[in-house]
N, C-alpha and C. Protein backbone atom coordinates (compact mmCIF):
# COMPACT_ATOMS: atom_id res chain seq x y z
N UNK A 1 9.26 -10.07 -31.10
CA UNK A 1 8.73 -9.34 -29.92
C UNK A 1 8.04 -8.07 -30.54
N UNK A 2 6.98 -7.66 -29.64
CA UNK A 2 6.29 -6.51 -30.07
C UNK A 2 7.03 -5.14 -29.83
N UNK A 3 6.73 -4.11 -30.45
CA UNK A 3 7.28 -2.70 -30.25
C UNK A 3 7.30 -2.39 -28.73
N UNK A 4 6.06 -2.69 -27.96
CA UNK A 4 6.05 -2.31 -26.61
C UNK A 4 6.99 -3.07 -25.77
N UNK A 5 7.19 -4.31 -26.08
CA UNK A 5 8.16 -5.13 -25.46
C UNK A 5 9.64 -4.77 -25.47
N UNK A 6 9.95 -4.40 -26.85
CA UNK A 6 11.32 -3.91 -27.04
C UNK A 6 11.56 -2.50 -26.29
N UNK A 7 10.50 -1.67 -26.27
CA UNK A 7 10.73 -0.35 -25.53
C UNK A 7 10.99 -0.71 -24.00
N UNK A 8 10.13 -1.66 -23.49
CA UNK A 8 10.26 -1.91 -22.05
C UNK A 8 11.54 -2.56 -21.71
N UNK A 9 12.11 -3.31 -22.74
CA UNK A 9 13.40 -3.95 -22.33
C UNK A 9 14.48 -2.82 -22.31
N UNK A 10 14.34 -1.92 -23.22
CA UNK A 10 15.30 -0.80 -23.20
C UNK A 10 15.00 -0.02 -22.02
N UNK A 11 13.89 0.27 -21.63
CA UNK A 11 13.57 1.06 -20.43
C UNK A 11 13.99 0.53 -19.07
N UNK A 12 13.61 -0.79 -18.88
CA UNK A 12 14.00 -1.49 -17.58
C UNK A 12 15.21 -2.10 -17.69
N UNK A 13 15.57 -2.44 -18.92
CA UNK A 13 16.77 -3.33 -19.07
C UNK A 13 16.36 -4.69 -18.65
N UNK A 14 17.32 -5.66 -18.75
CA UNK A 14 17.30 -6.91 -18.16
C UNK A 14 18.28 -6.79 -16.87
N UNK A 15 17.67 -7.14 -15.79
CA UNK A 15 18.35 -6.68 -14.46
C UNK A 15 18.19 -7.83 -13.41
N UNK A 16 19.02 -7.64 -12.49
CA UNK A 16 19.00 -8.55 -11.32
C UNK A 16 18.08 -7.88 -10.19
N UNK A 17 17.56 -8.82 -9.40
CA UNK A 17 16.88 -8.35 -8.22
C UNK A 17 17.43 -9.10 -6.94
N UNK A 18 16.87 -8.93 -5.79
CA UNK A 18 17.22 -9.49 -4.57
C UNK A 18 17.25 -11.06 -4.73
N UNK A 19 16.22 -11.56 -5.45
CA UNK A 19 16.21 -13.07 -5.43
C UNK A 19 16.68 -13.74 -6.76
N UNK A 20 17.04 -12.87 -7.72
CA UNK A 20 17.54 -13.46 -8.93
C UNK A 20 18.90 -12.74 -9.33
N UNK A 21 19.84 -13.63 -9.48
CA UNK A 21 21.17 -13.12 -9.77
C UNK A 21 21.34 -13.45 -11.33
N UNK A 22 20.25 -13.91 -12.05
CA UNK A 22 20.19 -13.97 -13.40
C UNK A 22 19.42 -12.76 -13.95
N UNK A 23 19.25 -12.72 -15.20
CA UNK A 23 18.54 -11.52 -15.92
C UNK A 23 17.26 -12.07 -16.55
N UNK A 24 16.21 -11.30 -16.55
CA UNK A 24 14.99 -11.67 -16.99
C UNK A 24 14.18 -10.53 -17.72
N UNK A 25 13.39 -10.80 -18.52
CA UNK A 25 12.49 -9.85 -19.32
C UNK A 25 11.24 -9.53 -18.72
N UNK A 26 10.85 -8.27 -18.56
CA UNK A 26 9.65 -7.75 -18.13
C UNK A 26 8.75 -7.31 -19.22
N UNK A 27 7.55 -7.85 -19.42
CA UNK A 27 6.68 -7.38 -20.56
C UNK A 27 5.72 -6.43 -20.13
N UNK A 28 5.34 -5.38 -20.94
CA UNK A 28 4.38 -4.40 -20.73
C UNK A 28 3.29 -4.65 -21.60
N UNK A 29 1.98 -4.85 -21.01
CA UNK A 29 0.89 -5.06 -21.80
C UNK A 29 0.98 -5.98 -22.78
N UNK A 30 1.55 -7.32 -22.34
CA UNK A 30 1.99 -8.38 -23.13
C UNK A 30 0.82 -9.09 -23.95
N UNK A 31 1.32 -9.70 -25.07
CA UNK A 31 0.54 -10.49 -25.87
C UNK A 31 0.32 -11.79 -25.28
N UNK A 32 -0.54 -12.74 -25.71
CA UNK A 32 -0.66 -14.02 -25.20
C UNK A 32 0.70 -14.90 -25.43
N UNK A 33 1.33 -14.65 -26.44
CA UNK A 33 2.71 -15.27 -26.73
C UNK A 33 3.75 -14.87 -25.77
N UNK A 34 3.71 -13.61 -25.48
CA UNK A 34 4.62 -12.94 -24.53
C UNK A 34 4.38 -13.27 -23.08
N UNK A 35 3.00 -13.59 -22.66
CA UNK A 35 2.67 -14.11 -21.44
C UNK A 35 3.27 -15.53 -21.22
N UNK A 36 3.15 -16.38 -22.37
CA UNK A 36 3.62 -17.71 -22.10
C UNK A 36 5.18 -17.72 -21.98
N UNK A 37 5.84 -16.88 -22.84
CA UNK A 37 7.25 -16.69 -22.72
C UNK A 37 7.61 -16.36 -21.30
N UNK A 38 7.03 -15.42 -20.74
CA UNK A 38 7.31 -15.00 -19.38
C UNK A 38 6.99 -16.17 -18.32
N UNK A 39 6.03 -16.75 -18.52
CA UNK A 39 5.71 -17.88 -17.61
C UNK A 39 6.43 -19.19 -17.80
N UNK A 40 7.04 -19.41 -18.77
CA UNK A 40 7.80 -20.73 -18.98
C UNK A 40 8.77 -20.95 -17.95
N UNK A 41 8.67 -22.13 -17.21
CA UNK A 41 9.76 -22.51 -16.26
C UNK A 41 10.09 -23.91 -16.55
N UNK A 42 11.28 -24.22 -16.99
CA UNK A 42 11.71 -25.53 -17.35
C UNK A 42 11.87 -26.37 -16.07
N UNK A 43 12.01 -25.85 -14.97
CA UNK A 43 12.14 -26.83 -13.72
C UNK A 43 10.81 -27.27 -13.47
N UNK A 44 9.75 -26.51 -13.19
CA UNK A 44 8.44 -26.99 -12.77
C UNK A 44 7.54 -27.54 -13.87
N UNK A 45 7.75 -27.05 -15.14
CA UNK A 45 7.12 -27.45 -16.26
C UNK A 45 5.68 -26.85 -16.20
N UNK A 46 5.42 -25.83 -15.36
CA UNK A 46 4.23 -25.11 -15.28
C UNK A 46 4.42 -23.65 -15.78
N UNK A 47 3.33 -23.06 -16.26
CA UNK A 47 3.33 -21.71 -16.72
C UNK A 47 2.89 -20.78 -15.69
N UNK A 48 3.82 -20.09 -14.94
CA UNK A 48 3.34 -19.16 -13.89
C UNK A 48 4.05 -17.81 -14.03
N UNK A 49 3.25 -16.72 -13.80
CA UNK A 49 3.83 -15.45 -13.94
C UNK A 49 3.54 -14.57 -12.60
N UNK A 50 4.32 -13.62 -12.48
CA UNK A 50 3.84 -12.48 -11.45
C UNK A 50 3.51 -11.34 -12.46
N UNK A 51 2.68 -10.40 -11.81
CA UNK A 51 2.26 -9.41 -12.48
C UNK A 51 2.00 -8.18 -11.61
N UNK A 52 2.04 -6.95 -12.12
CA UNK A 52 1.52 -5.65 -11.46
C UNK A 52 0.62 -5.01 -12.39
N UNK A 53 -0.39 -4.70 -11.96
CA UNK A 53 -1.49 -3.82 -12.77
C UNK A 53 -1.45 -2.40 -12.21
N UNK A 54 -1.26 -1.39 -12.97
CA UNK A 54 -1.23 -0.14 -12.57
C UNK A 54 -2.47 0.61 -13.07
N UNK A 55 -3.39 0.88 -11.94
CA UNK A 55 -4.75 1.38 -12.31
C UNK A 55 -4.54 2.91 -12.72
N UNK A 56 -3.56 3.63 -12.38
CA UNK A 56 -3.30 4.90 -12.94
C UNK A 56 -2.96 4.98 -14.42
N UNK A 57 -2.22 4.08 -14.88
CA UNK A 57 -1.79 4.11 -16.29
C UNK A 57 -2.40 3.11 -17.15
N UNK A 58 -3.21 2.17 -16.33
CA UNK A 58 -3.74 1.11 -17.01
C UNK A 58 -2.86 0.15 -17.82
N UNK A 59 -1.65 -0.03 -17.08
CA UNK A 59 -0.58 -0.83 -17.67
C UNK A 59 -0.39 -2.03 -16.82
N UNK A 60 -0.17 -3.16 -17.66
CA UNK A 60 -0.06 -4.55 -16.95
C UNK A 60 1.44 -5.02 -17.21
N UNK A 61 2.19 -5.28 -16.28
CA UNK A 61 3.47 -5.75 -16.36
C UNK A 61 3.60 -7.23 -15.91
N UNK A 62 4.39 -7.93 -16.68
CA UNK A 62 4.49 -9.41 -16.46
C UNK A 62 5.96 -9.88 -16.53
N UNK A 63 6.30 -10.80 -15.61
CA UNK A 63 7.53 -11.32 -15.72
C UNK A 63 7.65 -12.79 -15.01
N UNK A 64 8.73 -13.52 -15.10
CA UNK A 64 8.72 -14.91 -14.64
C UNK A 64 8.40 -14.91 -13.12
N UNK A 65 7.68 -15.79 -12.76
CA UNK A 65 7.17 -15.98 -11.33
C UNK A 65 8.30 -16.12 -10.26
N UNK A 66 9.33 -16.87 -10.73
CA UNK A 66 10.46 -17.17 -9.84
C UNK A 66 11.68 -16.16 -9.92
N UNK A 67 11.33 -15.08 -10.46
CA UNK A 67 12.59 -14.13 -10.65
C UNK A 67 12.30 -12.95 -9.63
N UNK A 68 11.84 -11.75 -10.08
CA UNK A 68 11.79 -10.60 -9.21
C UNK A 68 10.53 -10.56 -8.36
N UNK A 69 10.75 -9.94 -7.25
CA UNK A 69 9.71 -9.60 -6.32
C UNK A 69 8.81 -8.51 -6.64
N UNK A 70 7.48 -8.38 -6.24
CA UNK A 70 6.75 -7.27 -6.71
C UNK A 70 7.39 -5.90 -6.14
N UNK A 71 7.74 -5.98 -4.97
CA UNK A 71 8.25 -4.61 -4.39
C UNK A 71 9.45 -4.21 -5.26
N UNK A 72 10.38 -5.00 -5.45
CA UNK A 72 11.57 -4.70 -6.28
C UNK A 72 11.07 -4.33 -7.65
N UNK A 73 10.14 -4.97 -8.38
CA UNK A 73 9.74 -4.64 -9.65
C UNK A 73 9.23 -3.14 -9.62
N UNK A 74 8.43 -2.79 -8.72
CA UNK A 74 7.73 -1.54 -8.54
C UNK A 74 8.79 -0.56 -8.42
N UNK A 75 9.81 -0.66 -7.72
CA UNK A 75 10.84 0.21 -7.43
C UNK A 75 11.65 0.55 -8.90
N UNK A 76 11.83 -0.62 -9.70
CA UNK A 76 12.42 -0.53 -11.00
C UNK A 76 11.56 0.29 -11.94
N UNK A 77 10.24 0.27 -11.70
CA UNK A 77 9.34 1.00 -12.51
C UNK A 77 9.21 2.44 -12.18
N UNK A 78 9.99 2.78 -11.04
CA UNK A 78 10.23 4.26 -10.68
C UNK A 78 9.41 4.75 -9.61
N UNK A 79 8.97 4.05 -8.55
CA UNK A 79 8.39 4.55 -7.35
C UNK A 79 8.88 3.73 -6.07
N UNK A 80 8.89 4.42 -5.15
CA UNK A 80 9.30 3.62 -3.82
C UNK A 80 8.08 3.68 -2.84
N UNK A 81 6.85 3.78 -3.28
CA UNK A 81 5.64 3.83 -2.48
C UNK A 81 4.87 2.56 -2.72
N UNK A 82 5.44 1.33 -2.78
CA UNK A 82 4.76 0.12 -3.01
C UNK A 82 3.56 -0.21 -2.04
N UNK A 83 3.76 0.03 -0.66
CA UNK A 83 2.63 -0.35 0.26
C UNK A 83 1.57 0.65 0.11
N UNK A 84 1.88 1.96 -0.02
CA UNK A 84 0.89 2.98 -0.17
C UNK A 84 0.08 2.86 -1.61
N UNK A 85 0.75 2.48 -2.58
CA UNK A 85 0.13 2.23 -3.85
C UNK A 85 -0.80 1.07 -3.86
N UNK A 86 -0.42 0.09 -3.11
CA UNK A 86 -1.45 -0.98 -2.86
C UNK A 86 -2.54 -0.63 -2.12
N UNK A 87 -2.37 -0.03 -1.05
CA UNK A 87 -3.44 0.49 -0.20
C UNK A 87 -4.45 1.36 -0.74
N UNK A 88 -3.78 2.33 -1.56
CA UNK A 88 -4.61 3.27 -2.35
C UNK A 88 -5.16 2.77 -3.69
N UNK A 89 -5.12 1.51 -3.95
CA UNK A 89 -5.76 0.99 -5.21
C UNK A 89 -4.97 1.49 -6.27
N UNK A 90 -3.80 1.82 -6.33
CA UNK A 90 -2.95 2.16 -7.36
C UNK A 90 -2.48 0.88 -8.21
N UNK A 91 -2.05 -0.02 -7.31
CA UNK A 91 -1.56 -1.32 -8.03
C UNK A 91 -2.25 -2.60 -7.58
N UNK A 92 -2.36 -3.51 -8.41
CA UNK A 92 -2.83 -4.84 -7.93
C UNK A 92 -1.55 -5.78 -8.37
N UNK A 93 -1.14 -6.57 -7.46
CA UNK A 93 -0.07 -7.42 -7.89
C UNK A 93 -0.44 -8.81 -7.30
N UNK A 94 0.13 -9.75 -8.06
CA UNK A 94 -0.09 -11.08 -7.78
C UNK A 94 0.60 -12.11 -8.71
N UNK A 95 0.16 -13.28 -8.59
CA UNK A 95 0.68 -14.34 -9.57
C UNK A 95 -0.29 -15.06 -10.23
N UNK A 96 -0.15 -15.63 -11.37
CA UNK A 96 -1.16 -16.34 -12.08
C UNK A 96 -0.63 -17.58 -12.79
N UNK A 97 -1.37 -18.62 -12.98
CA UNK A 97 -0.91 -19.72 -13.74
C UNK A 97 -1.77 -19.92 -14.96
N UNK A 98 -1.23 -20.52 -16.08
CA UNK A 98 -2.09 -20.79 -17.06
C UNK A 98 -2.85 -22.13 -16.94
N UNK A 99 -4.14 -22.05 -16.96
CA UNK A 99 -4.96 -23.21 -16.71
C UNK A 99 -5.87 -23.38 -18.12
N UNK A 100 -5.54 -24.31 -18.88
CA UNK A 100 -6.23 -24.52 -20.07
C UNK A 100 -5.71 -23.25 -21.10
N UNK A 101 -6.65 -22.49 -21.41
CA UNK A 101 -6.32 -21.35 -22.39
C UNK A 101 -6.21 -19.98 -21.62
N UNK A 102 -6.51 -19.97 -20.26
CA UNK A 102 -6.49 -18.65 -19.67
C UNK A 102 -5.51 -18.67 -18.33
N UNK A 103 -5.19 -17.45 -18.04
CA UNK A 103 -4.34 -17.21 -16.96
C UNK A 103 -5.22 -16.93 -15.76
N UNK A 104 -5.07 -17.74 -14.81
CA UNK A 104 -5.84 -17.61 -13.55
C UNK A 104 -5.00 -17.06 -12.30
N UNK A 105 -5.57 -16.04 -11.56
CA UNK A 105 -4.85 -15.50 -10.49
C UNK A 105 -4.90 -16.67 -9.49
N UNK A 106 -3.72 -16.94 -8.85
CA UNK A 106 -3.51 -17.96 -7.85
C UNK A 106 -3.18 -17.27 -6.38
N UNK A 107 -2.72 -16.06 -6.48
CA UNK A 107 -2.16 -15.56 -5.25
C UNK A 107 -2.02 -14.04 -5.42
N UNK A 108 -2.51 -13.27 -4.26
CA UNK A 108 -2.18 -11.81 -4.22
C UNK A 108 -2.07 -11.55 -2.80
N UNK A 109 -0.92 -11.36 -2.25
CA UNK A 109 -0.70 -11.08 -0.75
C UNK A 109 -1.34 -9.80 -0.41
N UNK A 110 -1.29 -8.82 -1.31
CA UNK A 110 -2.03 -7.60 -1.01
C UNK A 110 -3.43 -7.41 -1.10
N UNK A 111 -4.17 -8.47 -1.49
CA UNK A 111 -5.56 -8.42 -1.75
C UNK A 111 -6.39 -8.23 -0.40
N UNK A 112 -5.80 -8.57 0.80
CA UNK A 112 -6.56 -8.44 1.95
C UNK A 112 -6.79 -6.99 2.26
N UNK A 113 -6.07 -5.99 1.72
CA UNK A 113 -6.33 -4.64 2.01
C UNK A 113 -7.42 -4.05 1.24
N UNK A 114 -8.01 -4.78 0.21
CA UNK A 114 -9.07 -4.14 -0.55
C UNK A 114 -10.37 -4.18 -0.11
N UNK A 115 -10.60 -4.70 1.08
CA UNK A 115 -12.05 -4.54 1.56
C UNK A 115 -12.99 -5.63 0.84
N UNK A 116 -14.18 -5.01 0.64
CA UNK A 116 -15.21 -5.97 -0.01
C UNK A 116 -15.14 -6.19 -1.39
N UNK A 117 -14.11 -5.62 -2.09
CA UNK A 117 -13.98 -5.90 -3.42
C UNK A 117 -14.64 -4.89 -4.44
N UNK A 118 -15.64 -4.16 -4.07
CA UNK A 118 -16.40 -3.34 -4.93
C UNK A 118 -15.46 -2.30 -5.49
N UNK A 119 -14.79 -1.57 -4.55
CA UNK A 119 -13.93 -0.47 -5.07
C UNK A 119 -12.83 -1.07 -6.02
N UNK A 120 -12.25 -2.27 -5.49
CA UNK A 120 -11.35 -2.88 -6.15
C UNK A 120 -11.70 -3.20 -7.70
N UNK A 121 -12.88 -3.72 -7.69
CA UNK A 121 -13.49 -4.08 -9.24
C UNK A 121 -13.58 -2.95 -10.09
N UNK A 122 -13.89 -1.72 -9.48
CA UNK A 122 -13.93 -0.49 -10.28
C UNK A 122 -12.71 -0.01 -10.80
N UNK A 123 -11.59 -0.38 -10.07
CA UNK A 123 -10.22 0.17 -10.35
C UNK A 123 -9.51 -0.81 -11.24
N UNK A 124 -9.89 -2.14 -11.07
CA UNK A 124 -9.13 -3.11 -11.89
C UNK A 124 -9.85 -4.02 -12.82
N UNK A 125 -11.09 -3.85 -13.07
CA UNK A 125 -11.80 -4.90 -13.98
C UNK A 125 -11.21 -5.00 -15.21
N UNK A 126 -10.33 -4.00 -15.75
CA UNK A 126 -9.71 -4.03 -16.99
C UNK A 126 -8.59 -5.06 -17.19
N UNK A 127 -8.09 -5.63 -15.94
CA UNK A 127 -7.08 -6.57 -15.94
C UNK A 127 -7.52 -7.97 -16.49
N UNK A 128 -8.79 -8.04 -16.64
CA UNK A 128 -9.40 -9.33 -17.11
C UNK A 128 -8.99 -9.66 -18.56
N UNK A 129 -8.42 -8.64 -19.26
CA UNK A 129 -7.81 -8.73 -20.58
C UNK A 129 -6.66 -9.82 -20.59
N UNK A 130 -5.88 -9.78 -19.33
CA UNK A 130 -4.80 -10.68 -19.10
C UNK A 130 -4.95 -11.80 -18.27
N UNK A 131 -5.65 -11.56 -17.08
CA UNK A 131 -5.84 -12.59 -16.02
C UNK A 131 -7.31 -12.74 -15.70
N UNK A 132 -7.76 -13.97 -15.17
CA UNK A 132 -9.09 -14.15 -14.58
C UNK A 132 -8.88 -14.09 -13.27
N UNK A 133 -9.39 -13.08 -12.60
CA UNK A 133 -9.39 -12.97 -11.13
C UNK A 133 -10.62 -13.28 -10.32
N UNK A 134 -11.67 -13.56 -11.08
CA UNK A 134 -12.98 -13.78 -10.34
C UNK A 134 -13.14 -14.92 -9.38
N UNK A 135 -12.49 -16.02 -9.64
CA UNK A 135 -12.54 -17.13 -8.69
C UNK A 135 -11.65 -16.85 -7.51
N UNK A 136 -10.52 -16.14 -7.73
CA UNK A 136 -9.69 -15.76 -6.59
C UNK A 136 -10.36 -14.90 -5.61
N UNK A 137 -11.02 -13.81 -6.28
CA UNK A 137 -11.60 -12.87 -5.41
C UNK A 137 -12.84 -13.51 -4.57
N UNK A 138 -13.57 -14.44 -5.31
CA UNK A 138 -14.56 -15.00 -4.56
C UNK A 138 -14.16 -15.92 -3.43
N UNK A 139 -12.85 -16.43 -3.54
CA UNK A 139 -12.47 -17.40 -2.53
C UNK A 139 -11.79 -16.61 -1.21
N UNK A 140 -11.88 -15.37 -1.34
CA UNK A 140 -11.20 -14.63 -0.15
C UNK A 140 -12.32 -14.27 0.79
């Protein structure tokens, strides 16, 4: 594991949330290998992740899709302002699935508040390092 991953595990710990009584790892600015590790699901045999992109710190957090909820994770990361941070373009949260060699955004409940997408694109174009969001944005 990378130094950043070990730091995040120490910082967040492996913890439980409302929908998971198991423990799981959260990756900060993950490598491709770490993205796959987070997305691996033995039950569905599909590679799916949840993520939060923080435009203020340019940090990308990833964890298993069937574990913690976005709002719970944002609280674990130290803020109770989830809705406001979505509305103010501080965070972009969603899920993505591995399709071929790239992670493709498949869902973002918060995306409807972003308007025509131009301001969103200015705030979050940097997330393309981890996930491909263009088809999802075009479909809305």
